[in-house]
PDB file of all heavy atoms in Angstrom:
ATOM      1  N   ASP A   1      -5.568  -5.158   0.559  1.00  0.00           N
ATOM      2  CA  ASP A   1      -5.704  -4.842  -0.896  1.00  0.00           C
ATOM      3  C   ASP A   1      -6.070  -3.422  -1.057  1.00  0.00           C
ATOM      4  O   ASP A   1      -5.639  -2.710  -2.053  1.00  0.00           O
ATOM      5  CB  ASP A   1      -6.740  -5.724  -1.513  1.00  0.00           C
ATOM      6  CG  ASP A   1      -6.313  -7.241  -1.531  1.00  0.00           C
ATOM      7  OD1 ASP A   1      -5.039  -7.461  -1.543  1.00  0.00           O
ATOM      8  OD2 ASP A   1      -7.165  -8.112  -1.746  1.00  0.00           O
ATOM      9  N   VAL A   2      -6.916  -2.877  -0.200  1.00  0.00           N
ATOM     10  CA  VAL A   2      -7.398  -1.471  -0.380  1.00  0.00           C
ATOM     11  C   VAL A   2      -6.233  -0.484  -0.218  1.00  0.00           C
ATOM     12  O   VAL A   2      -6.067   0.451  -0.944  1.00  0.00           O
ATOM     13  CB  VAL A   2      -8.493  -1.167   0.601  1.00  0.00           C
ATOM     14  CG1 VAL A   2      -8.938   0.261   0.599  1.00  0.00           C
ATOM     15  CG2 VAL A   2      -9.752  -2.033   0.398  1.00  0.00           C
ATOM     16  N   VAL A   3      -5.365  -0.784   0.790  1.00  0.00           N
ATOM     17  CA  VAL A   3      -4.206   0.122   1.065  1.00  0.00           C
ATOM     18  C   VAL A   3      -3.155  -0.107   0.055  1.00  0.00           C
ATOM     19  O   VAL A   3      -2.435   0.866  -0.358  1.00  0.00           O
ATOM     20  CB  VAL A   3      -3.755  -0.075   2.497  1.00  0.00           C
ATOM     21  CG1 VAL A   3      -2.491   0.649   2.780  1.00  0.00           C
ATOM     22  CG2 VAL A   3      -4.796   0.278   3.491  1.00  0.00           C
ATOM     23  N   ARG A   4      -2.892  -1.291  -0.331  1.00  0.00           N
ATOM     24  CA  ARG A   4      -1.800  -1.611  -1.186  1.00  0.00           C
ATOM     25  C   ARG A   4      -1.830  -0.866  -2.569  1.00  0.00           C
ATOM     26  O   ARG A   4      -0.815  -0.438  -3.089  1.00  0.00           O
ATOM     27  CB  ARG A   4      -1.637  -3.147  -1.492  1.00  0.00           C
ATOM     28  CG  ARG A   4      -0.358  -3.542  -2.184  1.00  0.00           C
ATOM     29  CD  ARG A   4      -0.413  -4.939  -2.545  1.00  0.00           C
ATOM     30  NE  ARG A   4      -0.738  -5.894  -1.479  1.00  0.00           N
ATOM     31  CZ  ARG A   4       0.232  -6.271  -0.634  1.00  0.00           C
ATOM     32  NH1 ARG A   4       1.488  -5.898  -0.799  1.00  0.00           N
ATOM     33  NH2 ARG A   4      -0.084  -7.171   0.354  1.00  0.00           N
ATOM     34  N   GLY A   5      -3.111  -0.752  -3.090  1.00  0.00           N
ATOM     35  CA  GLY A   5      -3.228  -0.108  -4.456  1.00  0.00           C
ATOM     36  C   GLY A   5      -2.656   1.275  -4.492  1.00  0.00           C
ATOM     37  O   GLY A   5      -1.741   1.592  -5.298  1.00  0.00           O
ATOM     38  N   PRO A   6      -3.148   2.272  -3.678  1.00  0.00           N
ATOM     39  CA  PRO A   6      -2.619   3.592  -3.741  1.00  0.00           C
ATOM     40  C   PRO A   6      -1.156   3.653  -3.342  1.00  0.00           C
ATOM     41  O   PRO A   6      -0.405   4.529  -3.818  1.00  0.00           O
ATOM     42  CB  PRO A   6      -3.478   4.382  -2.770  1.00  0.00           C
ATOM     43  CG  PRO A   6      -4.127   3.371  -1.937  1.00  0.00           C
ATOM     44  CD  PRO A   6      -4.283   2.162  -2.747  1.00  0.00           C
ATOM     45  N   VAL A   7      -0.690   2.828  -2.402  1.00  0.00           N
ATOM     46  CA  VAL A   7       0.698   2.874  -1.985  1.00  0.00           C
ATOM     47  C   VAL A   7       1.616   2.425  -3.164  1.00  0.00           C
ATOM     48  O   VAL A   7       2.614   3.103  -3.411  1.00  0.00           O
ATOM     49  CB  VAL A   7       0.991   1.961  -0.750  1.00  0.00           C
ATOM     50  CG1 VAL A   7       2.469   1.761  -0.478  1.00  0.00           C
ATOM     51  CG2 VAL A   7       0.195   2.449   0.486  1.00  0.00           C
ATOM     52  N   ASP A   8       1.213   1.411  -3.842  1.00  0.00           N
ATOM     53  CA  ASP A   8       2.037   1.004  -5.038  1.00  0.00           C
ATOM     54  C   ASP A   8       2.047   2.090  -6.043  1.00  0.00           C
ATOM     55  O   ASP A   8       3.164   2.352  -6.701  1.00  0.00           O
ATOM     56  CB  ASP A   8       1.393  -0.267  -5.627  1.00  0.00           C
ATOM     57  CG  ASP A   8       1.690  -1.485  -4.775  1.00  0.00           C
ATOM     58  OD1 ASP A   8       2.488  -1.449  -3.879  1.00  0.00           O
ATOM     59  OD2 ASP A   8       1.047  -2.542  -5.004  1.00  0.00           O
ATOM     60  N   LEU A   9       0.879   2.731  -6.332  1.00  0.00           N
ATOM     61  CA  LEU A   9       0.936   3.818  -7.307  1.00  0.00           C
ATOM     62  C   LEU A   9       1.826   5.025  -6.888  1.00  0.00           C
ATOM     63  O   LEU A   9       2.638   5.586  -7.674  1.00  0.00           O
ATOM     64  CB  LEU A   9      -0.497   4.303  -7.544  1.00  0.00           C
ATOM     65  CG  LEU A   9      -1.439   3.411  -8.303  1.00  0.00           C
ATOM     66  CD1 LEU A   9      -2.844   3.992  -8.337  1.00  0.00           C
ATOM     67  CD2 LEU A   9      -0.899   3.189  -9.753  1.00  0.00           C
ATOM     68  N   GLN A  10       1.790   5.425  -5.666  1.00  0.00           N
ATOM     69  CA  GLN A  10       2.564   6.487  -5.153  1.00  0.00           C
ATOM     70  C   GLN A  10       4.114   6.114  -5.151  1.00  0.00           C
ATOM     71  O   GLN A  10       4.977   6.885  -5.515  1.00  0.00           O
ATOM     72  CB  GLN A  10       2.217   6.840  -3.761  1.00  0.00           C
ATOM     73  CG  GLN A  10       0.856   7.551  -3.614  1.00  0.00           C
ATOM     74  CD  GLN A  10       0.759   8.867  -4.361  1.00  0.00           C
ATOM     75  OE1 GLN A  10       1.720   9.704  -4.230  1.00  0.00           O
ATOM     76  NE2 GLN A  10      -0.316   9.163  -5.122  1.00  0.00           N
ATOM     77  N   GLN A  11       4.340   4.819  -4.882  1.00  0.00           N
ATOM     78  CA  GLN A  11       5.765   4.351  -4.909  1.00  0.00           C
ATOM     79  C   GLN A  11       6.297   4.396  -6.296  1.00  0.00           C
ATOM     80  O   GLN A  11       7.440   4.806  -6.522  1.00  0.00           O
ATOM     81  CB  GLN A  11       5.749   2.940  -4.330  1.00  0.00           C
ATOM     82  CG  GLN A  11       7.204   2.440  -4.129  1.00  0.00           C
ATOM     83  CD  GLN A  11       7.228   1.079  -3.368  1.00  0.00           C
ATOM     84  OE1 GLN A  11       6.137   0.527  -3.076  1.00  0.00           O
ATOM     85  NE2 GLN A  11       8.364   0.551  -3.064  1.00  0.00           N
ATOM     86  N   LEU A  12       5.521   4.045  -7.336  1.00  0.00           N
ATOM     87  CA  LEU A  12       5.936   4.053  -8.657  1.00  0.00           C
ATOM     88  C   LEU A  12       6.124   5.464  -9.161  1.00  0.00           C
ATOM     89  O   LEU A  12       7.024   5.774  -9.967  1.00  0.00           O
ATOM     90  CB  LEU A  12       4.991   3.292  -9.557  1.00  0.00           C
ATOM     91  CG  LEU A  12       4.973   1.730  -9.398  1.00  0.00           C
ATOM     92  CD1 LEU A  12       3.748   1.128 -10.187  1.00  0.00           C
ATOM     93  CD2 LEU A  12       6.262   1.091  -9.831  1.00  0.00           C
ATOM     94  N   GLY A  13       5.272   6.390  -8.683  1.00  0.00           N
ATOM     95  CA  GLY A  13       5.302   7.734  -9.214  1.00  0.00           C
ATOM     96  C   GLY A  13       6.328   8.608  -8.553  1.00  0.00           C
ATOM     97  O   GLY A  13       6.613   9.688  -9.012  1.00  0.00           O
ATOM     98  N   ASN A  14       6.848   8.243  -7.369  1.00  0.00           N
ATOM     99  CA  ASN A  14       7.879   9.048  -6.615  1.00  0.00           C
ATOM    100  C   ASN A  14       9.199   8.933  -7.160  1.00  0.00           C
ATOM    101  O   ASN A  14       9.510   7.989  -7.924  1.00  0.00           O
ATOM    102  CB  ASN A  14       7.817   8.641  -5.159  1.00  0.00           C
ATOM    103  CG  ASN A  14       6.805   9.410  -4.341  1.00  0.00           C
ATOM    104  OD1 ASN A  14       6.919  10.604  -4.180  1.00  0.00           O
ATOM    105  ND2 ASN A  14       5.746   8.700  -3.872  1.00  0.00           N
ATOM    106  N   ASN A  15      10.011   9.961  -6.851  1.00  0.00           N
ATOM    107  CA  ASN A  15      11.396   9.872  -7.363  1.00  0.00           C
ATOM    108  C   ASN A  15      12.224   8.883  -6.543  1.00  0.00           C
ATOM    109  O   ASN A  15      11.812   8.381  -5.506  1.00  0.00           O
ATOM    110  CB  ASN A  15      12.068  11.338  -7.219  1.00  0.00           C
ATOM    111  CG  ASN A  15      12.077  11.752  -5.763  1.00  0.00           C
ATOM    112  OD1 ASN A  15      12.717  11.184  -4.926  1.00  0.00           O
ATOM    113  ND2 ASN A  15      11.444  12.878  -5.536  1.00  0.00           N
ATOM    114  N   ALA A  16      13.408   8.569  -7.151  1.00  0.00           N
ATOM    115  CA  ALA A  16      14.191   7.479  -6.515  1.00  0.00           C
ATOM    116  C   ALA A  16      14.762   7.771  -5.185  1.00  0.00           C
ATOM    117  O   ALA A  16      15.348   6.900  -4.534  1.00  0.00           O
ATOM    118  CB  ALA A  16      15.246   7.146  -7.553  1.00  0.00           C
ATOM    119  N   ASN A  17      14.674   9.041  -4.693  1.00  0.00           N
ATOM    120  CA  ASN A  17      15.208   9.458  -3.461  1.00  0.00           C
ATOM    121  C   ASN A  17      14.349   9.155  -2.332  1.00  0.00           C
ATOM    122  O   ASN A  17      14.744   9.487  -1.168  1.00  0.00           O
ATOM    123  CB  ASN A  17      15.610  10.963  -3.537  1.00  0.00           C
ATOM    124  CG  ASN A  17      16.731  11.348  -4.473  1.00  0.00           C
ATOM    125  OD1 ASN A  17      17.667  10.554  -4.632  1.00  0.00           O
ATOM    126  ND2 ASN A  17      16.614  12.442  -5.066  1.00  0.00           N
ATOM    127  N   ILE A  18      13.204   8.603  -2.487  1.00  0.00           N
ATOM    128  CA  ILE A  18      12.293   8.255  -1.478  1.00  0.00           C
ATOM    129  C   ILE A  18      12.195   6.692  -1.386  1.00  0.00           C
ATOM    130  O   ILE A  18      11.747   6.062  -2.372  1.00  0.00           O
ATOM    131  CB  ILE A  18      10.909   8.854  -1.638  1.00  0.00           C
ATOM    132  CG1 ILE A  18      11.037  10.391  -1.643  1.00  0.00           C
ATOM    133  CG2 ILE A  18       9.974   8.433  -0.480  1.00  0.00           C
ATOM    134  CD1 ILE A  18       9.732  11.090  -1.855  1.00  0.00           C
ATOM    135  N   ALA A  19      12.507   6.145  -0.275  1.00  0.00           N
ATOM    136  CA  ALA A  19      12.433   4.679  -0.088  1.00  0.00           C
ATOM    137  C   ALA A  19      11.100   4.380   0.687  1.00  0.00           C
ATOM    138  O   ALA A  19      10.727   5.128   1.610  1.00  0.00           O
ATOM    139  CB  ALA A  19      13.585   4.119   0.656  1.00  0.00           C
ATOM    140  N   PHE A  20      10.446   3.299   0.362  1.00  0.00           N
ATOM    141  CA  PHE A  20       9.218   2.952   0.982  1.00  0.00           C
ATOM    142  C   PHE A  20       9.442   1.673   1.804  1.00  0.00           C
ATOM    143  O   PHE A  20      10.078   0.674   1.288  1.00  0.00           O
ATOM    144  CB  PHE A  20       8.107   2.690  -0.022  1.00  0.00           C
ATOM    145  CG  PHE A  20       7.424   3.942  -0.486  1.00  0.00           C
ATOM    146  CD1 PHE A  20       8.040   4.727  -1.394  1.00  0.00           C
ATOM    147  CD2 PHE A  20       6.117   4.204  -0.118  1.00  0.00           C
ATOM    148  CE1 PHE A  20       7.414   5.913  -1.850  1.00  0.00           C
ATOM    149  CE2 PHE A  20       5.462   5.347  -0.546  1.00  0.00           C
ATOM    150  CZ  PHE A  20       6.149   6.215  -1.445  1.00  0.00           C
ATOM    151  N   ASP A  21       8.936   1.638   3.014  1.00  0.00           N
ATOM    152  CA  ASP A  21       9.006   0.515   3.920  1.00  0.00           C
ATOM    153  C   ASP A  21       7.571   0.004   4.129  1.00  0.00           C
ATOM    154  O   ASP A  21       6.756   0.730   4.776  1.00  0.00           O
ATOM    155  CB  ASP A  21       9.611   0.831   5.273  1.00  0.00           C
ATOM    156  CG  ASP A  21      11.071   1.351   5.113  1.00  0.00           C
ATOM    157  OD1 ASP A  21      11.844   0.745   4.351  1.00  0.00           O
ATOM    158  OD2 ASP A  21      11.398   2.378   5.746  1.00  0.00           O
ATOM    159  N   ILE A  22       7.207  -1.155   3.609  1.00  0.00           N
ATOM    160  CA  ILE A  22       5.842  -1.671   3.710  1.00  0.00           C
ATOM    161  C   ILE A  22       5.836  -2.872   4.682  1.00  0.00           C
ATOM    162  O   ILE A  22       6.655  -3.792   4.565  1.00  0.00           O
ATOM    163  CB  ILE A  22       5.451  -2.162   2.292  1.00  0.00           C
ATOM    164  CG1 ILE A  22       5.611  -1.055   1.263  1.00  0.00           C
ATOM    165  CG2 ILE A  22       3.913  -2.557   2.357  1.00  0.00           C
ATOM    166  CD1 ILE A  22       4.963   0.230   1.511  1.00  0.00           C
ATOM    167  N   ASP A  23       4.865  -2.780   5.582  1.00  0.00           N
ATOM    168  CA  ASP A  23       4.701  -3.854   6.539  1.00  0.00           C
ATOM    169  C   ASP A  23       3.261  -4.264   6.660  1.00  0.00           C
ATOM    170  O   ASP A  23       2.542  -3.700   7.431  1.00  0.00           O
ATOM    171  CB  ASP A  23       5.248  -3.391   7.946  1.00  0.00           C
ATOM    172  CG  ASP A  23       5.297  -4.554   8.975  1.00  0.00           C
ATOM    173  OD1 ASP A  23       5.045  -5.758   8.613  1.00  0.00           O
ATOM    174  OD2 ASP A  23       5.469  -4.263  10.207  1.00  0.00           O
ATOM    175  N   PHE A  24       2.892  -5.257   5.904  1.00  0.00           N
ATOM    176  CA  PHE A  24       1.504  -5.715   5.843  1.00  0.00           C
ATOM    177  C   PHE A  24       1.444  -7.207   6.311  1.00  0.00           C
ATOM    178  O   PHE A  24       2.317  -7.980   6.119  1.00  0.00           O
ATOM    179  CB  PHE A  24       0.928  -5.703   4.433  1.00  0.00           C
ATOM    180  CG  PHE A  24       0.782  -4.268   3.850  1.00  0.00           C
ATOM    181  CD1 PHE A  24       0.612  -4.118   2.517  1.00  0.00           C
ATOM    182  CD2 PHE A  24       0.800  -3.208   4.672  1.00  0.00           C
ATOM    183  CE1 PHE A  24       0.456  -2.869   1.945  1.00  0.00           C
ATOM    184  CE2 PHE A  24       0.670  -1.888   4.151  1.00  0.00           C
ATOM    185  CZ  PHE A  24       0.525  -1.744   2.846  1.00  0.00           C
ATOM    186  N   PRO A  25       0.334  -7.582   7.030  1.00  0.00           N
ATOM    187  CA  PRO A  25       0.124  -8.931   7.438  1.00  0.00           C
ATOM    188  C   PRO A  25       0.121  -9.914   6.213  1.00  0.00           C
ATOM    189  O   PRO A  25      -0.244  -9.469   5.133  1.00  0.00           O
ATOM    190  CB  PRO A  25      -1.227  -8.923   8.230  1.00  0.00           C
ATOM    191  CG  PRO A  25      -1.377  -7.552   8.567  1.00  0.00           C
ATOM    192  CD  PRO A  25      -0.801  -6.722   7.450  1.00  0.00           C
ATOM    193  N   ALA A  26       0.510 -11.175   6.432  1.00  0.00           N
ATOM    194  CA  ALA A  26       0.391 -12.151   5.314  1.00  0.00           C
ATOM    195  C   ALA A  26      -0.987 -12.576   5.009  1.00  0.00           C
ATOM    196  O   ALA A  26      -1.379 -12.828   3.909  1.00  0.00           O
ATOM    197  CB  ALA A  26       1.289 -13.355   5.718  1.00  0.00           C
ATOM    198  N   ALA A  27      -1.821 -12.656   6.114  1.00  0.00           N
ATOM    199  CA  ALA A  27      -3.229 -13.132   5.958  1.00  0.00           C
ATOM    200  C   ALA A  27      -4.116 -11.932   5.640  1.00  0.00           C
ATOM    201  O   ALA A  27      -3.820 -10.844   6.109  1.00  0.00           O
ATOM    202  CB  ALA A  27      -3.654 -13.895   7.205  1.00  0.00           C
ATOM    203  N   PRO A  28      -5.265 -12.133   5.005  1.00  0.00           N
ATOM    204  CA  PRO A  28      -6.273 -11.107   4.754  1.00  0.00           C
ATOM    205  C   PRO A  28      -6.761 -10.500   6.062  1.00  0.00           C
ATOM    206  O   PRO A  28      -6.913 -11.235   7.044  1.00  0.00           O
ATOM    207  CB  PRO A  28      -7.318 -11.792   3.913  1.00  0.00           C
ATOM    208  CG  PRO A  28      -6.659 -12.998   3.316  1.00  0.00           C
ATOM    209  CD  PRO A  28      -5.656 -13.396   4.280  1.00  0.00           C
ATOM    210  N   VAL A  29      -7.138  -9.198   6.053  1.00  0.00           N
ATOM    211  CA  VAL A  29      -7.694  -8.499   7.191  1.00  0.00           C
ATOM    212  C   VAL A  29      -8.984  -7.904   6.642  1.00  0.00           C
ATOM    213  O   VAL A  29      -9.007  -6.895   5.942  1.00  0.00           O
ATOM    214  CB  VAL A  29      -6.764  -7.435   7.726  1.00  0.00           C
ATOM    215  CG1 VAL A  29      -7.395  -6.754   8.939  1.00  0.00           C
ATOM    216  CG2 VAL A  29      -5.389  -8.085   8.170  1.00  0.00           C
ATOM    217  N   THR A  30     -10.132  -8.505   7.054  1.00  0.00           N
ATOM    218  CA  THR A  30     -11.440  -8.066   6.512  1.00  0.00           C
ATOM    219  C   THR A  30     -12.053  -7.041   7.443  1.00  0.00           C
ATOM    220  O   THR A  30     -12.096  -7.200   8.644  1.00  0.00           O
ATOM    221  CB  THR A  30     -12.323  -9.279   6.287  1.00  0.00           C
ATOM    222  OG1 THR A  30     -11.719 -10.223   5.482  1.00  0.00           O
ATOM    223  CG2 THR A  30     -13.660  -8.824   5.750  1.00  0.00           C
ATOM    224  N   ILE A  31     -12.551  -5.935   6.818  1.00  0.00           N
ATOM    225  CA  ILE A  31     -13.323  -4.906   7.555  1.00  0.00           C
ATOM    226  C   ILE A  31     -14.415  -4.438   6.687  1.00  0.00           C
ATOM    227  O   ILE A  31     -14.434  -4.691   5.432  1.00  0.00           O
ATOM    228  CB  ILE A  31     -12.395  -3.737   7.993  1.00  0.00           C
ATOM    229  CG1 ILE A  31     -11.994  -2.892   6.771  1.00  0.00           C
ATOM    230  CG2 ILE A  31     -11.191  -4.195   8.758  1.00  0.00           C
ATOM    231  CD1 ILE A  31     -11.406  -1.525   7.188  1.00  0.00           C
ATOM    232  N   GLN A  32     -15.358  -3.678   7.310  1.00  0.00           N
ATOM    233  CA  GLN A  32     -16.452  -3.066   6.599  1.00  0.00           C
ATOM    234  C   GLN A  32     -15.973  -1.643   6.199  1.00  0.00           C
ATOM    235  O   GLN A  32     -15.613  -0.875   7.089  1.00  0.00           O
ATOM    236  CB  GLN A  32     -17.695  -2.920   7.462  1.00  0.00           C
ATOM    237  CG  GLN A  32     -18.524  -4.244   7.574  1.00  0.00           C
ATOM    238  CD  GLN A  32     -19.468  -4.463   6.423  1.00  0.00           C
ATOM    239  OE1 GLN A  32     -19.506  -3.626   5.475  1.00  0.00           O
ATOM    240  NE2 GLN A  32     -20.170  -5.550   6.479  1.00  0.00           N
ATOM    241  N   CYS A  33     -15.894  -1.329   4.833  1.00  0.00           N
ATOM    242  CA  CYS A  33     -15.429  -0.013   4.420  1.00  0.00           C
ATOM    243  C   CYS A  33     -15.873   0.261   3.033  1.00  0.00           C
ATOM    244  O   CYS A  33     -16.349  -0.630   2.294  1.00  0.00           O
ATOM    245  CB  CYS A  33     -13.930   0.079   4.558  1.00  0.00           C
ATOM    246  SG  CYS A  33     -12.998  -0.938   3.305  1.00  0.00           S
ATOM    247  N   ASP A  34     -15.740   1.538   2.615  1.00  0.00           N
ATOM    248  CA  ASP A  34     -15.860   1.938   1.304  1.00  0.00           C
ATOM    249  C   ASP A  34     -14.472   2.008   0.680  1.00  0.00           C
ATOM    250  O   ASP A  34     -13.681   2.895   1.004  1.00  0.00           O
ATOM    251  CB  ASP A  34     -16.574   3.278   1.231  1.00  0.00           C
ATOM    252  CG  ASP A  34     -16.831   3.819  -0.167  1.00  0.00           C
ATOM    253  OD1 ASP A  34     -15.996   3.460  -1.083  1.00  0.00           O
ATOM    254  OD2 ASP A  34     -17.884   4.443  -0.424  1.00  0.00           O
ATOM    255  N   PRO A  35     -14.078   1.044  -0.145  1.00  0.00           N
ATOM    256  CA  PRO A  35     -12.769   0.911  -0.665  1.00  0.00           C
ATOM    257  C   PRO A  35     -12.312   2.240  -1.418  1.00  0.00           C
ATOM    258  O   PRO A  35     -11.169   2.565  -1.359  1.00  0.00           O
ATOM    259  CB  PRO A  35     -12.734  -0.296  -1.547  1.00  0.00           C
ATOM    260  CG  PRO A  35     -14.179  -0.571  -1.888  1.00  0.00           C
ATOM    261  CD  PRO A  35     -14.937  -0.013  -0.740  1.00  0.00           C
TER     262      PRO A  35
END
């Protein structure tokens, strides 16, 4: 969830000439971090 937010924003804000390949696990991955 922490990574997906900024990636989605950058993907929406970029021009159509840049394609994004996203590879995230299906299950949650919990870590200790400052989101």
